[in-house]
């Protein structure tokens, strides 16, 4: 029997680090939108402050966007 394929899972801190990198790159972009960069920063901050199990639960339930920030 074949095992179900599941994509690799990143933890919330790894995702937050990626969001910060996107924020930095977007702020360095010529004519970059500082509001967009700040939104990525806020997203990173929210993930860092949220419990790991809460993030996982919200992702599974399709409710990640309900986090404040």
C-alpha atoms as a PDB file:
ATOM      1  CA  UNK A   1       0.000   0.000   0.000  1.00  0.00           C
ATOM      2  CA  UNK A   2       1.338   3.426  -0.921  1.00  0.00           C
ATOM      3  CA  UNK A   3       1.805   6.009   1.751  1.00  0.00           C
ATOM      4  CA  UNK A   4      -0.021   9.306   1.270  1.00  0.00           C
ATOM      5  CA  UNK A   5       2.257  12.108   0.100  1.00  0.00           C
ATOM      6  CA  UNK A   6       2.253  15.136   2.355  1.00  0.00           C
ATOM      7  CA  UNK A   7       4.132  18.314   1.482  1.00  0.00           C
ATOM      8  CA  UNK A   8       6.834  19.387   3.925  1.00  0.00           C
ATOM      9  CA  UNK A   9       5.554  21.454   6.813  1.00  0.00           C
ATOM     10  CA  UNK A  10       7.294  24.643   7.877  1.00  0.00           C
ATOM     11  CA  UNK A  11       6.941  25.793  11.433  1.00  0.00           C
ATOM     12  CA  UNK A  12       5.562  29.221  12.227  1.00  0.00           C
ATOM     13  CA  UNK A  13       9.010  30.699  12.912  1.00  0.00           C
ATOM     14  CA  UNK A  14      10.354  29.515   9.558  1.00  0.00           C
ATOM     15  CA  UNK A  15       7.329  31.043   7.835  1.00  0.00           C
ATOM     16  CA  UNK A  16       7.818  34.285   9.803  1.00  0.00           C
ATOM     17  CA  UNK A  17      11.463  34.403   8.667  1.00  0.00           C
ATOM     18  CA  UNK A  18      10.346  34.005   5.049  1.00  0.00           C
ATOM     19  CA  UNK A  19       7.792  36.794   5.456  1.00  0.00           C
ATOM     20  CA  UNK A  20      10.512  39.078   6.838  1.00  0.00           C
ATOM     21  CA  UNK A  21      12.727  38.252   3.864  1.00  0.00           C
ATOM     22  CA  UNK A  22       9.884  39.080   1.465  1.00  0.00           C
ATOM     23  CA  UNK A  23       9.365  42.360   3.358  1.00  0.00           C
ATOM     24  CA  UNK A  24      13.024  43.239   3.003  1.00  0.00           C
ATOM     25  CA  UNK A  25      13.133  42.384  -0.688  1.00  0.00           C
ATOM     26  CA  UNK A  26       9.962  44.327  -1.374  1.00  0.00           C
ATOM     27  CA  UNK A  27      11.303  47.379   0.461  1.00  0.00           C
ATOM     28  CA  UNK A  28      14.526  47.241  -1.579  1.00  0.00           C
ATOM     29  CA  UNK A  29      12.659  46.950  -4.857  1.00  0.00           C
ATOM     30  CA  UNK A  30      12.810  50.076  -6.990  1.00  0.00           C
ATOM     31  CA  UNK A  31       9.589  51.943  -6.372  1.00  0.00           C
ATOM     32  CA  UNK A  32       8.771  49.398  -3.654  1.00  0.00           C
ATOM     33  CA  UNK A  33       5.587  49.765  -1.694  1.00  0.00           C
ATOM     34  CA  UNK A  34       6.436  50.422   1.971  1.00  0.00           C
ATOM     35  CA  UNK A  35       2.890  49.528   3.023  1.00  0.00           C
ATOM     36  CA  UNK A  36       3.204  46.118   1.398  1.00  0.00           C
ATOM     37  CA  UNK A  37       6.563  45.553   3.110  1.00  0.00           C
ATOM     38  CA  UNK A  38       5.036  46.542   6.456  1.00  0.00           C
ATOM     39  CA  UNK A  39       2.155  44.115   5.924  1.00  0.00           C
ATOM     40  CA  UNK A  40       4.640  41.249   5.534  1.00  0.00           C
ATOM     41  CA  UNK A  41       6.406  42.409   8.713  1.00  0.00           C
ATOM     42  CA  UNK A  42       3.091  42.433  10.614  1.00  0.00           C
ATOM     43  CA  UNK A  43       2.324  38.939   9.358  1.00  0.00           C
ATOM     44  CA  UNK A  44       5.689  37.731  10.655  1.00  0.00           C
ATOM     45  CA  UNK A  45       5.079  39.359  14.035  1.00  0.00           C
ATOM     46  CA  UNK A  46       1.649  37.750  14.359  1.00  0.00           C
ATOM     47  CA  UNK A  47       3.012  34.291  13.560  1.00  0.00           C
ATOM     48  CA  UNK A  48       5.838  34.684  16.059  1.00  0.00           C
ATOM     49  CA  UNK A  49       3.371  35.562  18.831  1.00  0.00           C
ATOM     50  CA  UNK A  50       0.871  32.801  18.023  1.00  0.00           C
ATOM     51  CA  UNK A  51       1.071  29.341  19.580  1.00  0.00           C
ATOM     52  CA  UNK A  52       2.368  26.669  17.169  1.00  0.00           C
ATOM     53  CA  UNK A  53      -0.659  24.414  17.623  1.00  0.00           C
ATOM     54  CA  UNK A  54      -3.051  27.327  16.971  1.00  0.00           C
ATOM     55  CA  UNK A  55      -1.345  28.098  13.664  1.00  0.00           C
ATOM     56  CA  UNK A  56      -1.567  24.440  12.607  1.00  0.00           C
ATOM     57  CA  UNK A  57      -5.218  24.208  13.580  1.00  0.00           C
ATOM     58  CA  UNK A  58      -6.112  27.383  11.684  1.00  0.00           C
ATOM     59  CA  UNK A  59      -4.227  26.195   8.586  1.00  0.00           C
ATOM     60  CA  UNK A  60      -6.052  22.837   8.615  1.00  0.00           C
ATOM     61  CA  UNK A  61      -9.397  24.576   9.060  1.00  0.00           C
ATOM     62  CA  UNK A  62      -8.653  27.253   6.427  1.00  0.00           C
ATOM     63  CA  UNK A  63      -8.863  30.034   9.037  1.00  0.00           C
ATOM     64  CA  UNK A  64      -5.304  31.387   9.088  1.00  0.00           C
ATOM     65  CA  UNK A  65      -6.428  34.768   7.780  1.00  0.00           C
ATOM     66  CA  UNK A  66      -8.561  35.218  10.891  1.00  0.00           C
ATOM     67  CA  UNK A  67      -5.453  35.932  12.987  1.00  0.00           C
ATOM     68  CA  UNK A  68      -5.387  39.580  13.998  1.00  0.00           C
ATOM     69  CA  UNK A  69      -2.684  41.668  12.398  1.00  0.00           C
END
